[in-house]
């Protein structure tokens, strides 16, 4: 396996992991709304939401960038 194939495989695995985590946590989205979104916002609230949702966008962006570089 070449270096570029290994890097692409790792990127795909990371994207799948983040997507699975997002889908699995969707089952508890009602709890998230109650415990996070409806509470007084603090630094920890912003950090939590950033990690959860910006991570998904970042993984998708990295995957798309990698695919466009291979074509």
N, C-alpha and C. Protein backbone atom coordinates (compact mmCIF):
# COMPACT_ATOMS: atom_id res chain seq x y z
N UNK A 1 0.86 -1.18 0.00
CA UNK A 1 0.00 0.00 0.00
C UNK A 1 0.90 1.24 0.00
N UNK A 2 0.65 2.13 -0.93
CA UNK A 2 1.48 3.32 -1.03
C UNK A 2 1.10 4.36 0.04
N UNK A 3 1.95 5.35 0.16
CA UNK A 3 1.75 6.41 1.16
C UNK A 3 0.44 7.16 0.92
N UNK A 4 0.14 7.48 -0.35
CA UNK A 4 -1.08 8.24 -0.64
C UNK A 4 -2.32 7.39 -0.41
N UNK A 5 -2.26 6.09 -0.71
CA UNK A 5 -3.41 5.21 -0.44
C UNK A 5 -3.65 5.07 1.05
N UNK A 6 -2.57 4.98 1.82
CA UNK A 6 -2.70 4.88 3.27
C UNK A 6 -3.34 6.15 3.84
N UNK A 7 -2.89 7.31 3.36
CA UNK A 7 -3.47 8.58 3.81
C UNK A 7 -4.94 8.69 3.46
N UNK A 8 -5.30 8.26 2.26
CA UNK A 8 -6.71 8.30 1.85
C UNK A 8 -7.54 7.33 2.69
N UNK A 9 -7.00 6.17 2.97
CA UNK A 9 -7.72 5.20 3.79
C UNK A 9 -7.95 5.72 5.19
N UNK A 10 -6.97 6.38 5.75
CA UNK A 10 -7.10 6.96 7.09
C UNK A 10 -8.15 8.07 7.08
N UNK A 11 -8.14 8.89 6.02
CA UNK A 11 -9.12 9.98 5.93
C UNK A 11 -10.54 9.41 5.82
N UNK A 12 -10.71 8.37 5.03
CA UNK A 12 -12.03 7.75 4.89
C UNK A 12 -12.47 7.14 6.22
N UNK A 13 -11.56 6.46 6.90
CA UNK A 13 -11.89 5.85 8.19
C UNK A 13 -12.28 6.92 9.20
N UNK A 14 -11.58 8.04 9.22
CA UNK A 14 -11.92 9.13 10.14
C UNK A 14 -13.29 9.71 9.82
N UNK A 15 -13.56 9.89 8.53
CA UNK A 15 -14.86 10.42 8.12
C UNK A 15 -15.99 9.48 8.52
N UNK A 16 -15.80 8.19 8.31
CA UNK A 16 -16.81 7.20 8.68
C UNK A 16 -17.02 7.21 10.19
N UNK A 17 -15.93 7.29 10.95
CA UNK A 17 -16.05 7.32 12.40
C UNK A 17 -16.82 8.53 12.90
N UNK A 18 -16.52 9.69 12.35
CA UNK A 18 -17.21 10.91 12.76
C UNK A 18 -18.68 10.86 12.35
N UNK A 19 -18.95 10.36 11.15
CA UNK A 19 -20.33 10.26 10.69
C UNK A 19 -21.12 9.27 11.54
N UNK A 20 -20.52 8.14 11.86
CA UNK A 20 -21.19 7.16 12.72
C UNK A 20 -21.49 7.77 14.09
N UNK A 21 -20.52 8.48 14.63
CA UNK A 21 -20.73 9.11 15.93
C UNK A 21 -21.88 10.12 15.86
N UNK A 22 -21.94 10.86 14.77
CA UNK A 22 -23.00 11.85 14.60
C UNK A 22 -24.36 11.17 14.47
N UNK A 23 -24.42 10.10 13.68
CA UNK A 23 -25.69 9.39 13.51
C UNK A 23 -26.12 8.70 14.79
N UNK A 24 -25.17 8.11 15.51
CA UNK A 24 -25.50 7.44 16.76
C UNK A 24 -25.98 8.44 17.80
N UNK A 25 -25.36 9.61 17.83
CA UNK A 25 -25.79 10.62 18.80
C UNK A 25 -27.12 11.23 18.40
N UNK A 26 -27.53 11.05 17.14
CA UNK A 26 -28.84 11.56 16.71
C UNK A 26 -29.97 10.87 17.47
N UNK A 27 -29.70 9.67 17.97
CA UNK A 27 -30.72 8.98 18.75
C UNK A 27 -30.99 9.68 20.07
N UNK A 28 -30.01 10.43 20.55
CA UNK A 28 -30.17 11.15 21.81
C UNK A 28 -30.28 12.66 21.59
N UNK A 29 -30.68 13.05 20.38
CA UNK A 29 -30.74 14.47 20.06
C UNK A 29 -31.72 15.21 20.95
N UNK A 30 -32.83 14.57 21.31
CA UNK A 30 -33.80 15.20 22.22
C UNK A 30 -33.18 15.54 23.55
N UNK A 31 -32.35 14.64 24.06
CA UNK A 31 -31.64 14.92 25.32
C UNK A 31 -30.65 16.06 25.14
N UNK A 32 -29.98 16.09 23.99
CA UNK A 32 -29.02 17.17 23.73
C UNK A 32 -29.73 18.52 23.71
N UNK A 33 -30.88 18.57 23.06
CA UNK A 33 -31.64 19.82 23.01
C UNK A 33 -32.00 20.27 24.41
N UNK A 34 -32.48 19.34 25.21
CA UNK A 34 -32.90 19.67 26.58
C UNK A 34 -31.73 20.09 27.46
N UNK A 35 -30.62 19.36 27.37
CA UNK A 35 -29.51 19.59 28.30
C UNK A 35 -28.49 20.62 27.83
N UNK A 36 -28.44 20.88 26.53
CA UNK A 36 -27.41 21.80 26.02
C UNK A 36 -28.04 23.05 25.42
N UNK A 37 -28.93 22.88 24.45
CA UNK A 37 -29.44 24.02 23.70
C UNK A 37 -30.34 24.92 24.52
N UNK A 38 -31.09 24.36 25.46
CA UNK A 38 -32.05 25.17 26.21
C UNK A 38 -31.47 25.73 27.51
N UNK A 39 -30.23 25.46 27.79
CA UNK A 39 -29.59 25.96 29.00
C UNK A 39 -28.89 27.28 28.72
N UNK A 40 -28.48 27.94 29.79
CA UNK A 40 -27.70 29.17 29.66
C UNK A 40 -26.38 28.84 28.95
N UNK A 41 -26.08 29.60 27.91
CA UNK A 41 -24.88 29.32 27.13
C UNK A 41 -23.63 29.76 27.89
N UNK A 42 -22.62 28.92 27.83
CA UNK A 42 -21.33 29.22 28.45
C UNK A 42 -20.23 28.81 27.49
N UNK A 43 -19.01 28.99 27.92
CA UNK A 43 -17.87 28.57 27.10
C UNK A 43 -17.93 27.07 26.83
N UNK A 44 -18.30 26.29 27.82
CA UNK A 44 -18.38 24.83 27.64
C UNK A 44 -19.46 24.45 26.63
N UNK A 45 -20.56 25.19 26.59
CA UNK A 45 -21.61 24.93 25.61
C UNK A 45 -21.07 25.14 24.21
N UNK A 46 -20.38 26.24 24.00
CA UNK A 46 -19.81 26.55 22.69
C UNK A 46 -18.77 25.52 22.30
N UNK A 47 -17.91 25.12 23.23
CA UNK A 47 -16.90 24.12 22.93
C UNK A 47 -17.54 22.78 22.58
N UNK A 48 -18.55 22.37 23.32
CA UNK A 48 -19.23 21.11 23.05
C UNK A 48 -19.84 21.11 21.65
N UNK A 49 -20.57 22.16 21.33
CA UNK A 49 -21.21 22.22 20.02
C UNK A 49 -20.19 22.33 18.90
N UNK A 50 -19.10 23.02 19.14
CA UNK A 50 -18.04 23.12 18.14
C UNK A 50 -17.43 21.75 17.84
N UNK A 51 -17.12 21.01 18.87
CA UNK A 51 -16.53 19.69 18.69
C UNK A 51 -17.51 18.77 17.97
N UNK A 52 -18.76 18.81 18.36
CA UNK A 52 -19.76 17.90 17.77
C UNK A 52 -20.05 18.22 16.31
N UNK A 53 -20.31 19.47 16.01
CA UNK A 53 -20.82 19.80 14.68
C UNK A 53 -19.78 20.34 13.73
N UNK A 54 -18.82 21.10 14.20
CA UNK A 54 -17.76 21.56 13.30
C UNK A 54 -16.83 20.42 12.91
N UNK A 55 -16.70 19.44 13.77
CA UNK A 55 -15.88 18.28 13.45
C UNK A 55 -16.43 17.52 12.25
N UNK A 56 -17.74 17.41 12.16
CA UNK A 56 -18.37 16.75 11.02
C UNK A 56 -18.11 17.52 9.74
N UNK A 57 -18.29 18.82 9.79
CA UNK A 57 -18.04 19.65 8.60
C UNK A 57 -16.58 19.60 8.18
N UNK A 58 -15.69 19.62 9.16
CA UNK A 58 -14.27 19.56 8.85
C UNK A 58 -13.90 18.22 8.20
N UNK A 59 -14.42 17.13 8.73
CA UNK A 59 -14.12 15.81 8.16
C UNK A 59 -14.64 15.71 6.73
N UNK A 60 -15.82 16.24 6.47
CA UNK A 60 -16.37 16.23 5.12
C UNK A 60 -15.53 17.09 4.18
N UNK A 61 -15.09 18.24 4.66
CA UNK A 61 -14.24 19.12 3.84
C UNK A 61 -12.91 18.46 3.50
N UNK A 62 -12.29 17.84 4.49
CA UNK A 62 -11.01 17.17 4.26
C UNK A 62 -11.18 16.04 3.26
N UNK A 63 -12.25 15.27 3.41
CA UNK A 63 -12.50 14.16 2.49
C UNK A 63 -12.71 14.67 1.08
N UNK A 64 -13.47 15.74 0.92
CA UNK A 64 -13.73 16.30 -0.40
C UNK A 64 -12.44 16.83 -1.01
N UNK A 65 -11.63 17.48 -0.21
CA UNK A 65 -10.36 18.02 -0.69
C UNK A 65 -9.44 16.90 -1.15
N UNK A 66 -9.39 15.82 -0.38
CA UNK A 66 -8.55 14.68 -0.75
C UNK A 66 -9.02 14.07 -2.06
N UNK A 67 -10.33 13.95 -2.25
CA UNK A 67 -10.85 13.36 -3.46
C UNK A 67 -10.56 14.23 -4.68
N UNK A 68 -10.67 15.54 -4.51
CA UNK A 68 -10.41 16.43 -5.65
C UNK A 68 -8.92 16.44 -6.02
N UNK A 69 -8.05 16.17 -5.06
CA UNK A 69 -6.61 16.12 -5.35
C UNK A 69 -6.25 14.84 -6.09
N UNK A 70 -7.03 13.78 -5.91
CA UNK A 70 -6.74 12.52 -6.58
C UNK A 70 -7.20 12.52 -8.03
N UNK A 71 -8.15 13.35 -8.38
CA UNK A 71 -8.67 13.38 -9.76
C UNK A 71 -7.83 14.21 -10.69
